[in-house]
Amino acid sequence: MASPAHRNGPPQSPDDRFYYFAYGSCMCPVDLKRSLGESTHAYVVGPATLTGYRLGFFRRSRLRDCGVLDVVAHPGATVQGVLYHLPWRLSPALDRREEGYRHEIVTVTANGLTFASTRTYSVVNKTHAEIAPNEWYSSVVMRGAATCGLPEQYCWELFHHIHSLQRRQTEAAPLPRTA
């Protein structure tokens, strides 16, 4: 497969760009715009697949007060997400948004092409068990998955995983005390 020529290092000119694989709330261009300060629709390459990883909610976000998505190396698994081709000027804002995560350089496939040296983010200090996301975060993730055309089967699997974590959290919560 073809591998587009690009770097993920420092920019050489103001027009330089980098590839970014989003798998959580950043899949939603509207939510990403909120952090980056400009519309990101024009930078969407399309749905993409990351092989050798799986999703999990292994971080509690202080800002969102819930579990948020992470990618974890897992042979044989795949993660669906959205591939962006972002201008370098947006890199510092993206890093700020992804506080608690670190750059990970991966290879993804999109539109029948292979994109090596693609940036994604993984959680630095992972929790031992998954933490359920709240309804707001879940809806942003699902909206991004649907808006950017991720496979329907994958969207359903993601929805069911989220729902099972939320149900497990609700069942584990102590009952309110009565007087």
N, C-alpha and C. Protein backbone atom coordinates (compact mmCIF):
# COMPACT_ATOMS: atom_id res chain seq x y z
N MET A 1 0.83 -1.18 0.00
CA MET A 1 0.00 0.00 0.00
C MET A 1 0.87 1.25 0.00
N ALA A 2 0.33 2.29 -0.52
CA ALA A 2 1.07 3.55 -0.58
C ALA A 2 1.16 4.15 0.82
N SER A 3 2.23 4.81 1.08
CA SER A 3 2.40 5.51 2.36
C SER A 3 2.68 6.97 2.05
N PRO A 4 1.71 7.85 2.29
CA PRO A 4 1.91 9.26 1.97
C PRO A 4 3.17 9.80 2.64
N ALA A 5 3.91 10.59 1.91
CA ALA A 5 5.13 11.17 2.46
C ALA A 5 4.76 12.33 3.37
N HIS A 6 5.16 12.25 4.61
CA HIS A 6 4.92 13.33 5.56
C HIS A 6 5.78 13.09 6.79
N ARG A 7 5.90 14.11 7.59
CA ARG A 7 6.63 14.02 8.85
C ARG A 7 5.67 14.28 10.01
N ASN A 8 6.07 13.79 11.16
CA ASN A 8 5.35 14.14 12.37
C ASN A 8 6.27 14.96 13.27
N GLY A 9 7.40 15.42 12.74
CA GLY A 9 8.36 16.24 13.48
C GLY A 9 8.00 17.71 13.38
N PRO A 10 8.90 18.58 13.82
CA PRO A 10 8.63 20.02 13.80
C PRO A 10 8.36 20.53 12.39
N PRO A 11 7.51 21.52 12.25
CA PRO A 11 7.18 22.04 10.93
C PRO A 11 8.36 22.76 10.28
N GLN A 12 8.39 22.69 8.96
CA GLN A 12 9.40 23.40 8.20
C GLN A 12 8.83 24.69 7.61
N SER A 13 7.51 24.69 7.39
CA SER A 13 6.85 25.88 6.85
C SER A 13 5.47 25.99 7.49
N PRO A 14 4.84 27.16 7.40
CA PRO A 14 3.52 27.33 8.01
C PRO A 14 2.46 26.41 7.41
N ASP A 15 2.71 25.90 6.21
CA ASP A 15 1.73 25.02 5.56
C ASP A 15 1.91 23.55 5.92
N ASP A 16 2.94 23.19 6.70
CA ASP A 16 3.16 21.79 7.08
C ASP A 16 2.00 21.27 7.90
N ARG A 17 1.76 19.99 7.74
CA ARG A 17 0.65 19.33 8.45
C ARG A 17 1.13 18.01 9.04
N PHE A 18 0.31 17.47 9.93
CA PHE A 18 0.58 16.15 10.49
C PHE A 18 -0.73 15.36 10.49
N TYR A 19 -0.59 14.03 10.44
CA TYR A 19 -1.75 13.15 10.51
C TYR A 19 -2.04 12.84 11.97
N TYR A 20 -3.31 12.85 12.30
CA TYR A 20 -3.76 12.62 13.68
C TYR A 20 -4.93 11.64 13.65
N PHE A 21 -4.79 10.54 14.41
CA PHE A 21 -5.85 9.54 14.52
C PHE A 21 -6.62 9.78 15.82
N ALA A 22 -7.90 10.12 15.70
CA ALA A 22 -8.77 10.35 16.86
C ALA A 22 -9.70 9.16 17.03
N TYR A 23 -9.90 8.72 18.27
CA TYR A 23 -10.74 7.56 18.54
C TYR A 23 -11.76 7.84 19.64
N GLY A 24 -11.71 8.98 20.26
CA GLY A 24 -12.63 9.33 21.35
C GLY A 24 -13.45 10.56 20.99
N SER A 25 -13.55 11.50 21.91
CA SER A 25 -14.37 12.69 21.66
C SER A 25 -13.82 13.55 20.53
N CYS A 26 -12.53 13.43 20.23
CA CYS A 26 -11.96 14.22 19.12
C CYS A 26 -12.43 13.72 17.76
N MET A 27 -13.10 12.58 17.71
CA MET A 27 -13.69 12.14 16.44
C MET A 27 -14.74 13.14 15.98
N CYS A 28 -15.34 13.85 16.92
CA CYS A 28 -16.39 14.82 16.60
C CYS A 28 -15.75 16.15 16.23
N PRO A 29 -15.81 16.54 14.95
CA PRO A 29 -15.17 17.80 14.54
C PRO A 29 -15.72 19.02 15.28
N VAL A 30 -16.98 18.99 15.68
CA VAL A 30 -17.57 20.12 16.40
C VAL A 30 -16.92 20.24 17.78
N ASP A 31 -16.72 19.11 18.47
CA ASP A 31 -16.09 19.14 19.78
C ASP A 31 -14.61 19.51 19.67
N LEU A 32 -13.95 19.02 18.63
CA LEU A 32 -12.54 19.34 18.43
C LEU A 32 -12.36 20.84 18.16
N LYS A 33 -13.30 21.43 17.44
CA LYS A 33 -13.26 22.87 17.16
C LYS A 33 -13.25 23.68 18.45
N ARG A 34 -13.98 23.22 19.44
CA ARG A 34 -14.06 23.90 20.72
C ARG A 34 -12.68 24.08 21.34
N SER A 35 -11.81 23.08 21.21
CA SER A 35 -10.46 23.15 21.78
C SER A 35 -9.45 23.82 20.87
N LEU A 36 -9.59 23.60 19.57
CA LEU A 36 -8.57 24.08 18.64
C LEU A 36 -8.85 25.49 18.13
N GLY A 37 -10.08 25.98 18.33
CA GLY A 37 -10.39 27.35 17.97
C GLY A 37 -10.70 27.60 16.52
N GLU A 38 -10.81 26.54 15.74
CA GLU A 38 -11.22 26.70 14.34
C GLU A 38 -11.89 25.42 13.87
N SER A 39 -12.69 25.55 12.84
CA SER A 39 -13.39 24.39 12.29
C SER A 39 -12.39 23.35 11.80
N THR A 40 -12.67 22.09 12.09
CA THR A 40 -11.77 21.01 11.68
C THR A 40 -12.38 20.11 10.60
N HIS A 41 -13.60 20.43 10.16
CA HIS A 41 -14.25 19.59 9.14
C HIS A 41 -13.38 19.43 7.90
N ALA A 42 -12.74 20.50 7.45
CA ALA A 42 -11.94 20.45 6.23
C ALA A 42 -10.70 19.57 6.38
N TYR A 43 -10.31 19.25 7.61
CA TYR A 43 -9.11 18.46 7.85
C TYR A 43 -9.40 16.97 8.00
N VAL A 44 -10.66 16.57 7.93
CA VAL A 44 -11.03 15.16 8.07
C VAL A 44 -10.63 14.43 6.78
N VAL A 45 -9.78 13.40 6.93
CA VAL A 45 -9.44 12.53 5.80
C VAL A 45 -10.53 11.49 5.64
N GLY A 46 -10.99 10.94 6.78
CA GLY A 46 -12.07 9.96 6.75
C GLY A 46 -11.91 8.93 7.85
N PRO A 47 -12.80 7.93 7.84
CA PRO A 47 -12.70 6.85 8.82
C PRO A 47 -11.36 6.12 8.64
N ALA A 48 -10.80 5.67 9.75
CA ALA A 48 -9.50 4.99 9.71
C ALA A 48 -9.49 3.83 10.70
N THR A 49 -8.57 2.90 10.47
CA THR A 49 -8.45 1.72 11.32
C THR A 49 -7.04 1.63 11.87
N LEU A 50 -6.96 1.42 13.18
CA LEU A 50 -5.70 1.19 13.88
C LEU A 50 -5.68 -0.28 14.28
N THR A 51 -4.71 -1.01 13.79
CA THR A 51 -4.61 -2.44 14.05
C THR A 51 -3.62 -2.70 15.19
N GLY A 52 -3.95 -3.72 16.02
CA GLY A 52 -3.07 -4.09 17.11
C GLY A 52 -3.34 -3.35 18.40
N TYR A 53 -4.49 -2.67 18.47
CA TYR A 53 -4.91 -1.93 19.67
C TYR A 53 -6.38 -2.19 19.94
N ARG A 54 -6.77 -1.93 21.18
CA ARG A 54 -8.18 -1.97 21.55
C ARG A 54 -8.50 -0.72 22.35
N LEU A 55 -9.79 -0.41 22.42
CA LEU A 55 -10.25 0.74 23.21
C LEU A 55 -10.51 0.32 24.64
N GLY A 56 -10.41 1.27 25.53
CA GLY A 56 -10.79 1.07 26.91
C GLY A 56 -10.93 2.43 27.59
N PHE A 57 -11.69 2.47 28.65
CA PHE A 57 -11.89 3.70 29.42
C PHE A 57 -10.96 3.65 30.64
N PHE A 58 -9.66 3.85 30.41
CA PHE A 58 -8.65 3.67 31.45
C PHE A 58 -8.13 4.98 32.02
N ARG A 59 -8.97 6.01 32.00
CA ARG A 59 -8.58 7.30 32.60
C ARG A 59 -9.83 8.00 33.09
N ARG A 60 -9.72 8.59 34.29
CA ARG A 60 -10.79 9.44 34.79
C ARG A 60 -10.40 10.88 34.47
N SER A 61 -11.23 11.54 33.69
CA SER A 61 -10.98 12.93 33.34
C SER A 61 -11.48 13.83 34.47
N ARG A 62 -10.60 14.69 34.95
CA ARG A 62 -11.02 15.66 35.97
C ARG A 62 -12.02 16.64 35.37
N LEU A 63 -11.76 17.07 34.14
CA LEU A 63 -12.61 18.04 33.48
C LEU A 63 -14.02 17.48 33.24
N ARG A 64 -14.11 16.25 32.81
CA ARG A 64 -15.40 15.66 32.45
C ARG A 64 -15.99 14.81 33.58
N ASP A 65 -15.21 14.56 34.62
CA ASP A 65 -15.63 13.79 35.79
C ASP A 65 -16.23 12.44 35.39
N CYS A 66 -15.50 11.74 34.52
CA CYS A 66 -15.94 10.41 34.10
C CYS A 66 -14.79 9.69 33.42
N GLY A 67 -15.01 8.44 33.06
CA GLY A 67 -14.03 7.69 32.30
C GLY A 67 -13.96 8.22 30.88
N VAL A 68 -12.74 8.26 30.32
CA VAL A 68 -12.55 8.69 28.94
C VAL A 68 -11.71 7.64 28.22
N LEU A 69 -11.80 7.65 26.91
CA LEU A 69 -11.20 6.60 26.10
C LEU A 69 -9.68 6.65 26.04
N ASP A 70 -9.13 5.47 25.82
CA ASP A 70 -7.70 5.26 25.69
C ASP A 70 -7.52 4.13 24.67
N VAL A 71 -6.35 4.04 24.06
CA VAL A 71 -6.01 2.88 23.23
C VAL A 71 -4.89 2.12 23.93
N VAL A 72 -5.02 0.79 23.89
CA VAL A 72 -4.09 -0.10 24.56
C VAL A 72 -3.64 -1.15 23.54
N ALA A 73 -2.33 -1.39 23.46
CA ALA A 73 -1.82 -2.41 22.55
C ALA A 73 -2.49 -3.74 22.86
N HIS A 74 -2.99 -4.40 21.82
CA HIS A 74 -3.67 -5.69 21.99
C HIS A 74 -3.63 -6.42 20.64
N PRO A 75 -2.75 -7.43 20.51
CA PRO A 75 -2.63 -8.13 19.24
C PRO A 75 -3.97 -8.68 18.75
N GLY A 76 -4.22 -8.49 17.48
CA GLY A 76 -5.43 -9.02 16.86
C GLY A 76 -6.64 -8.11 16.96
N ALA A 77 -6.57 -7.06 17.76
CA ALA A 77 -7.70 -6.14 17.91
C ALA A 77 -7.56 -4.97 16.93
N THR A 78 -8.65 -4.27 16.73
CA THR A 78 -8.62 -3.05 15.91
C THR A 78 -9.45 -1.97 16.58
N VAL A 79 -9.07 -0.74 16.29
CA VAL A 79 -9.81 0.44 16.76
C VAL A 79 -10.19 1.25 15.53
N GLN A 80 -11.44 1.63 15.46
CA GLN A 80 -11.90 2.52 14.40
C GLN A 80 -11.85 3.95 14.92
N GLY A 81 -11.57 4.86 14.04
CA GLY A 81 -11.52 6.26 14.43
C GLY A 81 -11.54 7.16 13.21
N VAL A 82 -11.11 8.38 13.41
CA VAL A 82 -11.13 9.39 12.35
C VAL A 82 -9.70 9.88 12.14
N LEU A 83 -9.29 9.93 10.88
CA LEU A 83 -7.98 10.45 10.53
C LEU A 83 -8.13 11.90 10.09
N TYR A 84 -7.35 12.76 10.74
CA TYR A 84 -7.30 14.18 10.39
C TYR A 84 -5.93 14.48 9.77
N HIS A 85 -5.86 15.50 8.95
CA HIS A 85 -4.59 16.03 8.43
C HIS A 85 -4.54 17.49 8.88
N LEU A 86 -4.00 17.70 10.08
CA LEU A 86 -4.07 19.00 10.75
C LEU A 86 -2.85 19.87 10.46
N PRO A 87 -3.05 21.18 10.40
CA PRO A 87 -1.92 22.10 10.29
C PRO A 87 -1.11 22.10 11.59
N TRP A 88 0.20 22.24 11.47
CA TRP A 88 1.07 22.23 12.66
C TRP A 88 0.70 23.30 13.66
N ARG A 89 0.12 24.40 13.22
CA ARG A 89 -0.21 25.47 14.16
C ARG A 89 -1.21 25.00 15.22
N LEU A 90 -1.94 23.89 14.94
CA LEU A 90 -2.94 23.38 15.88
C LEU A 90 -2.35 22.37 16.87
N SER A 91 -1.10 21.98 16.66
CA SER A 91 -0.48 20.96 17.52
C SER A 91 -0.43 21.36 19.00
N PRO A 92 -0.01 22.58 19.36
CA PRO A 92 0.02 22.93 20.79
C PRO A 92 -1.37 22.88 21.44
N ALA A 93 -2.39 23.34 20.74
CA ALA A 93 -3.75 23.31 21.31
C ALA A 93 -4.23 21.86 21.47
N LEU A 94 -3.89 21.01 20.52
CA LEU A 94 -4.27 19.60 20.62
C LEU A 94 -3.56 18.95 21.81
N ASP A 95 -2.29 19.25 22.00
CA ASP A 95 -1.56 18.71 23.16
C ASP A 95 -2.19 19.17 24.48
N ARG A 96 -2.62 20.43 24.54
CA ARG A 96 -3.27 20.93 25.77
C ARG A 96 -4.58 20.18 26.00
N ARG A 97 -5.34 19.97 24.94
CA ARG A 97 -6.61 19.24 25.07
C ARG A 97 -6.36 17.83 25.60
N GLU A 98 -5.28 17.22 25.15
CA GLU A 98 -4.98 15.83 25.50
C GLU A 98 -4.11 15.73 26.75
N GLU A 99 -4.32 16.61 27.70
CA GLU A 99 -3.61 16.59 28.98
C GLU A 99 -3.84 15.22 29.62
N GLY A 100 -2.76 14.62 30.13
CA GLY A 100 -2.86 13.29 30.72
C GLY A 100 -2.58 12.18 29.72
N TYR A 101 -2.37 12.56 28.48
CA TYR A 101 -2.05 11.62 27.41
C TYR A 101 -0.67 11.95 26.86
N ARG A 102 -0.06 11.00 26.18
CA ARG A 102 1.23 11.23 25.50
C ARG A 102 1.09 10.87 24.03
N HIS A 103 1.95 11.46 23.21
CA HIS A 103 1.98 11.12 21.79
C HIS A 103 2.35 9.65 21.63
N GLU A 104 1.70 9.00 20.72
CA GLU A 104 2.10 7.67 20.31
C GLU A 104 2.05 7.70 18.78
N ILE A 105 3.10 7.23 18.14
CA ILE A 105 3.16 7.22 16.68
C ILE A 105 2.71 5.83 16.21
N VAL A 106 1.69 5.82 15.36
CA VAL A 106 1.07 4.58 14.91
C VAL A 106 0.92 4.61 13.39
N THR A 107 0.53 3.47 12.84
CA THR A 107 0.19 3.36 11.43
C THR A 107 -1.29 3.02 11.34
N VAL A 108 -2.01 3.77 10.52
CA VAL A 108 -3.44 3.52 10.33
C VAL A 108 -3.71 3.35 8.83
N THR A 109 -4.87 2.77 8.54
CA THR A 109 -5.32 2.68 7.15
C THR A 109 -6.60 3.48 7.01
N ALA A 110 -6.70 4.18 5.88
CA ALA A 110 -7.88 4.99 5.58
C ALA A 110 -7.99 5.11 4.06
N ASN A 111 -9.18 4.99 3.57
CA ASN A 111 -9.42 5.15 2.13
C ASN A 111 -8.52 4.24 1.30
N GLY A 112 -8.22 3.04 1.81
CA GLY A 112 -7.40 2.08 1.08
C GLY A 112 -5.91 2.39 1.10
N LEU A 113 -5.48 3.40 1.85
CA LEU A 113 -4.07 3.78 1.94
C LEU A 113 -3.55 3.56 3.35
N THR A 114 -2.25 3.39 3.46
CA THR A 114 -1.59 3.25 4.75
C THR A 114 -0.93 4.58 5.11
N PHE A 115 -1.16 5.03 6.33
CA PHE A 115 -0.61 6.29 6.82
C PHE A 115 0.32 5.98 8.00
N ALA A 116 1.62 5.91 7.71
CA ALA A 116 2.61 5.65 8.75
C ALA A 116 2.90 6.97 9.49
N SER A 117 3.53 6.86 10.64
CA SER A 117 3.93 8.04 11.43
C SER A 117 2.75 8.96 11.73
N THR A 118 1.64 8.35 12.07
CA THR A 118 0.43 9.10 12.44
C THR A 118 0.42 9.28 13.95
N ARG A 119 0.09 10.48 14.40
CA ARG A 119 0.02 10.75 15.83
C ARG A 119 -1.34 10.31 16.37
N THR A 120 -1.29 9.66 17.52
CA THR A 120 -2.48 9.47 18.33
C THR A 120 -2.03 9.74 19.76
N TYR A 121 -2.92 9.59 20.71
CA TYR A 121 -2.58 9.84 22.11
C TYR A 121 -3.00 8.63 22.93
N SER A 122 -2.17 8.28 23.92
CA SER A 122 -2.53 7.21 24.86
C SER A 122 -2.33 7.73 26.28
N VAL A 123 -3.12 7.20 27.17
CA VAL A 123 -3.11 7.63 28.57
C VAL A 123 -1.76 7.31 29.21
N VAL A 124 -1.24 8.25 29.96
CA VAL A 124 0.04 8.07 30.65
C VAL A 124 -0.14 7.17 31.86
N ASN A 125 -1.06 7.52 32.77
CA ASN A 125 -1.29 6.75 34.00
C ASN A 125 -2.64 6.06 33.92
N LYS A 126 -2.62 4.86 33.38
CA LYS A 126 -3.87 4.11 33.17
C LYS A 126 -4.41 3.56 34.50
N THR A 127 -5.74 3.53 34.61
CA THR A 127 -6.36 2.89 35.76
C THR A 127 -6.34 1.38 35.52
N HIS A 128 -6.49 0.61 36.58
CA HIS A 128 -6.47 -0.86 36.45
C HIS A 128 -7.77 -1.38 35.86
N ALA A 129 -8.85 -0.70 36.17
CA ALA A 129 -10.16 -1.12 35.66
C ALA A 129 -10.77 0.03 34.87
N GLU A 130 -11.66 -0.32 33.96
CA GLU A 130 -12.31 0.71 33.16
C GLU A 130 -13.30 1.51 34.02
N ILE A 131 -13.43 2.78 33.70
CA ILE A 131 -14.33 3.70 34.40
C ILE A 131 -15.39 4.14 33.40
N ALA A 132 -16.64 4.05 33.79
CA ALA A 132 -17.75 4.38 32.89
C ALA A 132 -17.72 5.86 32.49
N PRO A 133 -18.00 6.12 31.22
CA PRO A 133 -18.15 7.51 30.79
C PRO A 133 -19.52 8.03 31.18
N ASN A 134 -19.66 9.36 31.28
CA ASN A 134 -20.99 9.91 31.54
C ASN A 134 -21.76 10.07 30.22
N GLU A 135 -23.00 10.45 30.32
CA GLU A 135 -23.86 10.56 29.12
C GLU A 135 -23.34 11.62 28.15
N TRP A 136 -22.84 12.74 28.66
CA TRP A 136 -22.36 13.80 27.78
C TRP A 136 -21.18 13.31 26.94
N TYR A 137 -20.17 12.73 27.60
CA TYR A 137 -18.99 12.24 26.88
C TYR A 137 -19.39 11.15 25.89
N SER A 138 -20.23 10.24 26.32
CA SER A 138 -20.69 9.15 25.45
C SER A 138 -21.35 9.69 24.19
N SER A 139 -22.20 10.69 24.35
CA SER A 139 -22.91 11.23 23.19
C SER A 139 -21.96 11.94 22.23
N VAL A 140 -20.93 12.61 22.75
CA VAL A 140 -19.94 13.27 21.87
C VAL A 140 -19.17 12.20 21.08
N VAL A 141 -18.76 11.14 21.75
CA VAL A 141 -18.04 10.06 21.07
C VAL A 141 -18.91 9.43 19.99
N MET A 142 -20.16 9.11 20.33
CA MET A 142 -21.04 8.46 19.37
C MET A 142 -21.40 9.40 18.22
N ARG A 143 -21.56 10.68 18.50
CA ARG A 143 -21.85 11.65 17.44
C ARG A 143 -20.68 11.73 16.47
N GLY A 144 -19.47 11.75 16.99
CA GLY A 144 -18.28 11.78 16.13
C GLY A 144 -18.17 10.53 15.28
N ALA A 145 -18.44 9.37 15.88
CA ALA A 145 -18.36 8.11 15.14
C ALA A 145 -19.37 8.09 13.99
N ALA A 146 -20.58 8.54 14.26
CA ALA A 146 -21.62 8.54 13.22
C ALA A 146 -21.37 9.62 12.17
N THR A 147 -21.02 10.82 12.62
CA THR A 147 -20.79 11.95 11.71
C THR A 147 -19.68 11.65 10.71
N CYS A 148 -18.62 11.00 11.17
CA CYS A 148 -17.47 10.77 10.30
C CYS A 148 -17.51 9.42 9.60
N GLY A 149 -18.62 8.71 9.72
CA GLY A 149 -18.83 7.51 8.92
C GLY A 149 -18.15 6.24 9.36
N LEU A 150 -17.94 6.06 10.67
CA LEU A 150 -17.39 4.78 11.12
C LEU A 150 -18.39 3.67 10.83
N PRO A 151 -17.90 2.44 10.64
CA PRO A 151 -18.81 1.33 10.31
C PRO A 151 -19.91 1.17 11.36
N GLU A 152 -21.12 0.91 10.88
CA GLU A 152 -22.28 0.79 11.76
C GLU A 152 -22.07 -0.28 12.83
N GLN A 153 -21.52 -1.43 12.45
CA GLN A 153 -21.28 -2.52 13.41
C GLN A 153 -20.36 -2.05 14.54
N TYR A 154 -19.31 -1.31 14.20
CA TYR A 154 -18.38 -0.79 15.20
C TYR A 154 -19.09 0.19 16.13
N CYS A 155 -19.93 1.06 15.56
CA CYS A 155 -20.68 2.02 16.39
C CYS A 155 -21.55 1.29 17.40
N TRP A 156 -22.22 0.22 16.95
CA TRP A 156 -23.06 -0.56 17.86
C TRP A 156 -22.23 -1.22 18.95
N GLU A 157 -21.07 -1.77 18.59
CA GLU A 157 -20.20 -2.40 19.59
C GLU A 157 -19.73 -1.38 20.62
N LEU A 158 -19.36 -0.20 20.15
CA LEU A 158 -18.93 0.86 21.05
C LEU A 158 -20.08 1.28 21.97
N PHE A 159 -21.26 1.46 21.41
CA PHE A 159 -22.44 1.82 22.20
C PHE A 159 -22.70 0.78 23.29
N HIS A 160 -22.65 -0.50 22.94
CA HIS A 160 -22.92 -1.56 23.92
C HIS A 160 -21.84 -1.62 24.99
N HIS A 161 -20.59 -1.37 24.62
CA HIS A 161 -19.52 -1.36 25.62
C HIS A 161 -19.73 -0.22 26.62
N ILE A 162 -20.03 0.95 26.10
CA ILE A 162 -20.31 2.11 26.96
C ILE A 162 -21.47 1.80 27.90
N HIS A 163 -22.55 1.29 27.32
CA HIS A 163 -23.75 0.99 28.11
C HIS A 163 -23.46 -0.05 29.20
N SER A 164 -22.66 -1.07 28.88
CA SER A 164 -22.36 -2.10 29.89
C SER A 164 -21.53 -1.52 31.04
N LEU A 165 -20.61 -0.61 30.73
CA LEU A 165 -19.83 0.04 31.79
C LEU A 165 -20.72 0.92 32.66
N GLN A 166 -21.63 1.65 32.03
CA GLN A 166 -22.54 2.51 32.78
C GLN A 166 -23.48 1.68 33.66
N ARG A 167 -23.97 0.58 33.12
CA ARG A 167 -24.86 -0.30 33.88
C ARG A 167 -24.12 -0.90 35.07
N ARG A 168 -22.90 -1.35 34.84
CA ARG A 168 -22.09 -1.94 35.91
C ARG A 168 -21.84 -0.91 37.01
N GLN A 169 -21.57 0.34 36.63
CA GLN A 169 -21.34 1.40 37.61
C GLN A 169 -22.60 1.67 38.41
N THR A 170 -23.74 1.70 37.74
CA THR A 170 -25.01 1.95 38.42
C THR A 170 -25.32 0.82 39.40
N GLU A 171 -25.08 -0.42 38.99
CA GLU A 171 -25.36 -1.56 39.86
C GLU A 171 -24.44 -1.60 41.06
N ALA A 172 -23.21 -1.09 40.90
CA ALA A 172 -22.24 -1.10 41.98
C ALA A 172 -22.42 0.07 42.95
N ALA A 173 -23.16 1.08 42.53
CA ALA A 173 -23.36 2.26 43.37
C ALA A 173 -24.18 1.89 44.61
N PRO A 174 -23.82 2.41 45.76
CA PRO A 174 -24.60 2.13 46.97
C PRO A 174 -25.99 2.77 46.86
N LEU A 175 -26.96 2.10 47.43
CA LEU A 175 -28.33 2.62 47.44
C LEU A 175 -28.40 3.82 48.39
N PRO A 176 -29.24 4.81 48.04
CA PRO A 176 -29.38 5.97 48.93
C PRO A 176 -29.96 5.54 50.28
N ARG A 177 -29.51 6.18 51.33
CA ARG A 177 -30.00 5.87 52.67
C ARG A 177 -31.34 6.53 52.87
N THR A 178 -32.24 5.82 53.50
CA THR A 178 -33.56 6.38 53.83
C THR A 178 -33.61 6.67 55.32
N ALA A 179 -34.40 7.66 55.66
CA ALA A 179 -34.49 8.06 57.06
C ALA A 179 -35.44 7.21 57.82
